[in-house]
C-alpha cells in the first residue's frame, strides 16, 4: 500500500469570528480530518502541522500558510 501524507489547509476571507473558541477554520479542519480518516484503508494519514489562513482572501496566492507548502 502506498502511504499518502495529507496536509489540511484552511482559509477564511475575513477575521470575523476567528477569536471564538470554535470557528470556521476549526470546522473546516474537522471535516477534512474526518475525510482523511475515512481513507485510512487507502494509506492516507493526516500531517500534524496546521496550515490555516484566517483573514486572507482566496483571490490572492499571497497567503502565509499556503506559501509554507509550495514546492
N, C-alpha and C. Protein backbone atom coordinates (compact mmCIF):
# COMPACT_ATOMS: atom_id res chain seq x y z
N UNK A 1 0.84 -1.18 0.00
CA UNK A 1 0.00 0.00 0.00
C UNK A 1 0.89 1.24 0.00
N UNK A 2 0.54 2.19 -0.84
CA UNK A 2 1.25 3.46 -0.89
C UNK A 2 0.70 4.36 0.22
N UNK A 3 1.59 4.89 1.04
CA UNK A 3 1.17 5.80 2.12
C UNK A 3 1.09 7.22 1.57
N UNK A 4 0.02 7.89 1.88
CA UNK A 4 -0.20 9.27 1.45
C UNK A 4 -0.27 10.17 2.68
N UNK A 5 0.67 11.10 2.79
CA UNK A 5 0.62 12.07 3.88
C UNK A 5 -0.22 13.25 3.41
N UNK A 6 -1.22 13.61 4.20
CA UNK A 6 -2.19 14.63 3.79
C UNK A 6 -2.09 15.87 4.66
N UNK A 7 -1.79 17.00 4.03
CA UNK A 7 -1.81 18.29 4.72
C UNK A 7 -3.21 18.87 4.59
N UNK A 8 -3.70 19.45 5.66
CA UNK A 8 -5.01 20.10 5.63
C UNK A 8 -4.79 21.61 5.67
N UNK A 9 -5.30 22.29 4.65
CA UNK A 9 -5.20 23.75 4.56
C UNK A 9 -6.58 24.35 4.74
N UNK A 10 -6.71 25.33 5.64
CA UNK A 10 -7.98 26.00 5.86
C UNK A 10 -7.81 27.50 5.63
N UNK A 11 -8.90 28.15 5.20
CA UNK A 11 -8.85 29.59 4.92
C UNK A 11 -10.22 30.21 5.14
N UNK A 12 -10.19 31.45 5.61
CA UNK A 12 -11.40 32.24 5.77
C UNK A 12 -11.05 33.65 5.34
N UNK A 13 -11.90 34.26 4.52
CA UNK A 13 -11.60 35.57 3.94
C UNK A 13 -11.54 36.70 4.96
N UNK A 14 -12.33 36.61 6.01
CA UNK A 14 -12.36 37.69 7.00
C UNK A 14 -11.90 37.17 8.35
N UNK A 15 -11.56 38.10 9.22
CA UNK A 15 -11.15 37.73 10.57
C UNK A 15 -12.34 37.60 11.51
N UNK A 16 -13.52 37.94 11.02
CA UNK A 16 -14.73 37.89 11.84
C UNK A 16 -14.96 36.49 12.40
N UNK A 17 -15.08 36.41 13.70
CA UNK A 17 -15.36 35.14 14.36
C UNK A 17 -14.16 34.26 14.64
N UNK A 18 -12.98 34.65 14.19
CA UNK A 18 -11.81 33.79 14.39
C UNK A 18 -11.37 33.74 15.85
N UNK A 19 -11.83 34.69 16.64
CA UNK A 19 -11.46 34.70 18.05
C UNK A 19 -12.33 33.77 18.90
N UNK A 20 -13.33 33.16 18.30
CA UNK A 20 -14.19 32.23 19.02
C UNK A 20 -13.43 30.94 19.32
N UNK A 21 -13.85 30.26 20.37
CA UNK A 21 -13.15 29.02 20.75
C UNK A 21 -13.27 27.93 19.68
N UNK A 22 -14.34 27.95 18.91
CA UNK A 22 -14.50 27.04 17.77
C UNK A 22 -14.99 27.88 16.60
N UNK A 23 -14.17 28.00 15.57
CA UNK A 23 -14.52 28.87 14.45
C UNK A 23 -14.56 28.09 13.14
N UNK A 24 -14.76 28.79 12.04
CA UNK A 24 -14.93 28.08 10.76
C UNK A 24 -13.66 27.37 10.31
N UNK A 25 -12.49 27.86 10.72
CA UNK A 25 -11.25 27.14 10.38
C UNK A 25 -11.24 25.79 11.10
N UNK A 26 -11.70 25.79 12.34
CA UNK A 26 -11.78 24.53 13.09
C UNK A 26 -12.78 23.57 12.44
N UNK A 27 -13.92 24.11 12.00
CA UNK A 27 -14.94 23.28 11.35
C UNK A 27 -14.41 22.69 10.04
N UNK A 28 -13.69 23.51 9.26
CA UNK A 28 -13.09 23.01 8.02
C UNK A 28 -12.10 21.90 8.31
N UNK A 29 -11.26 22.13 9.33
CA UNK A 29 -10.24 21.14 9.69
C UNK A 29 -10.90 19.83 10.13
N UNK A 30 -11.95 19.91 10.94
CA UNK A 30 -12.65 18.69 11.38
C UNK A 30 -13.21 17.91 10.21
N UNK A 31 -13.83 18.61 9.27
CA UNK A 31 -14.41 17.94 8.11
C UNK A 31 -13.32 17.27 7.27
N UNK A 32 -12.23 17.97 7.05
CA UNK A 32 -11.14 17.40 6.25
C UNK A 32 -10.48 16.23 6.97
N UNK A 33 -10.28 16.37 8.27
CA UNK A 33 -9.66 15.29 9.04
C UNK A 33 -10.53 14.04 9.02
N UNK A 34 -11.85 14.23 9.09
CA UNK A 34 -12.76 13.09 9.02
C UNK A 34 -12.65 12.40 7.66
N UNK A 35 -12.52 13.18 6.60
CA UNK A 35 -12.39 12.58 5.28
C UNK A 35 -11.07 11.82 5.15
N UNK A 36 -9.98 12.43 5.62
CA UNK A 36 -8.68 11.74 5.57
C UNK A 36 -8.78 10.43 6.34
N UNK A 37 -9.39 10.48 7.52
CA UNK A 37 -9.54 9.26 8.32
C UNK A 37 -10.37 8.21 7.59
N UNK A 38 -11.38 8.65 6.83
CA UNK A 38 -12.21 7.70 6.09
C UNK A 38 -11.42 7.00 4.97
N UNK A 39 -10.28 7.57 4.62
CA UNK A 39 -9.45 6.99 3.57
C UNK A 39 -8.23 6.26 4.12
N UNK A 40 -8.24 6.00 5.42
CA UNK A 40 -7.12 5.31 6.06
C UNK A 40 -6.82 3.98 5.38
N UNK A 41 -7.86 3.29 4.94
CA UNK A 41 -7.69 2.00 4.26
C UNK A 41 -6.90 2.14 2.94
N UNK A 42 -6.82 3.37 2.42
CA UNK A 42 -6.06 3.64 1.20
C UNK A 42 -4.65 4.13 1.52
N UNK A 43 -4.31 4.19 2.81
CA UNK A 43 -2.98 4.60 3.23
C UNK A 43 -2.85 6.08 3.56
N UNK A 44 -3.97 6.80 3.61
CA UNK A 44 -3.93 8.22 3.91
C UNK A 44 -3.67 8.45 5.39
N UNK A 45 -2.87 9.47 5.71
CA UNK A 45 -2.60 9.86 7.09
C UNK A 45 -2.45 11.38 7.15
N UNK A 46 -3.10 12.00 8.12
CA UNK A 46 -3.07 13.45 8.27
C UNK A 46 -1.74 13.90 8.87
N UNK A 47 -1.16 14.94 8.31
CA UNK A 47 0.01 15.56 8.91
C UNK A 47 -0.43 16.35 10.14
N UNK A 48 0.41 16.44 11.14
CA UNK A 48 0.04 17.15 12.36
C UNK A 48 0.21 18.67 12.23
N UNK A 49 1.00 19.12 11.28
CA UNK A 49 1.19 20.57 11.08
C UNK A 49 -0.12 21.23 10.68
N UNK A 50 -0.31 22.48 11.14
CA UNK A 50 -1.52 23.24 10.81
C UNK A 50 -1.18 24.27 9.74
N UNK A 51 -2.03 24.37 8.75
CA UNK A 51 -1.90 25.35 7.67
C UNK A 51 -3.21 26.12 7.59
N UNK A 52 -3.29 27.21 8.37
CA UNK A 52 -4.52 28.00 8.48
C UNK A 52 -4.25 29.44 8.06
N UNK A 53 -5.09 29.96 7.21
CA UNK A 53 -5.03 31.36 6.81
C UNK A 53 -6.36 32.03 7.12
N UNK A 54 -6.47 32.58 8.31
CA UNK A 54 -7.66 33.31 8.69
C UNK A 54 -7.50 34.78 8.33
N UNK A 55 -8.47 35.32 7.62
CA UNK A 55 -8.42 36.73 7.24
C UNK A 55 -7.68 36.99 5.94
N UNK A 56 -7.52 35.98 5.10
CA UNK A 56 -6.83 36.13 3.82
C UNK A 56 -7.76 35.74 2.68
N UNK A 57 -7.84 36.58 1.69
CA UNK A 57 -8.71 36.35 0.54
C UNK A 57 -8.19 35.20 -0.32
N UNK A 58 -9.12 34.44 -0.86
CA UNK A 58 -8.76 33.37 -1.78
C UNK A 58 -8.37 33.90 -3.15
N UNK A 59 -8.60 35.20 -3.39
CA UNK A 59 -8.27 35.81 -4.67
C UNK A 59 -6.79 36.09 -4.82
N UNK A 60 -6.03 35.86 -3.78
CA UNK A 60 -4.59 36.12 -3.82
C UNK A 60 -3.83 34.86 -3.42
N UNK A 61 -2.74 34.61 -4.06
CA UNK A 61 -1.89 33.48 -3.68
C UNK A 61 -0.92 33.88 -2.57
N UNK A 62 -0.95 35.15 -2.18
CA UNK A 62 -0.08 35.65 -1.12
C UNK A 62 -0.72 35.39 0.24
N UNK A 63 -0.66 34.12 0.65
CA UNK A 63 -1.22 33.69 1.92
C UNK A 63 -0.14 32.92 2.66
N UNK A 64 0.16 33.33 3.89
CA UNK A 64 1.30 32.73 4.63
C UNK A 64 1.28 31.21 4.73
N UNK A 65 0.18 30.63 5.15
CA UNK A 65 0.15 29.17 5.33
C UNK A 65 0.23 28.44 4.00
N UNK A 66 -0.34 29.02 2.95
CA UNK A 66 -0.26 28.42 1.63
C UNK A 66 1.19 28.42 1.13
N UNK A 67 1.89 29.49 1.39
CA UNK A 67 3.29 29.60 0.96
C UNK A 67 4.20 28.57 1.62
N UNK A 68 3.84 28.09 2.80
CA UNK A 68 4.67 27.11 3.52
C UNK A 68 4.78 25.80 2.76
N UNK A 69 3.79 25.47 1.94
CA UNK A 69 3.78 24.16 1.26
C UNK A 69 4.15 24.24 -0.21
N UNK A 70 4.54 25.38 -0.69
CA UNK A 70 4.91 25.48 -2.11
C UNK A 70 6.20 24.73 -2.37
N UNK A 71 6.25 24.07 -3.49
CA UNK A 71 7.46 23.31 -3.86
C UNK A 71 8.33 24.15 -4.77
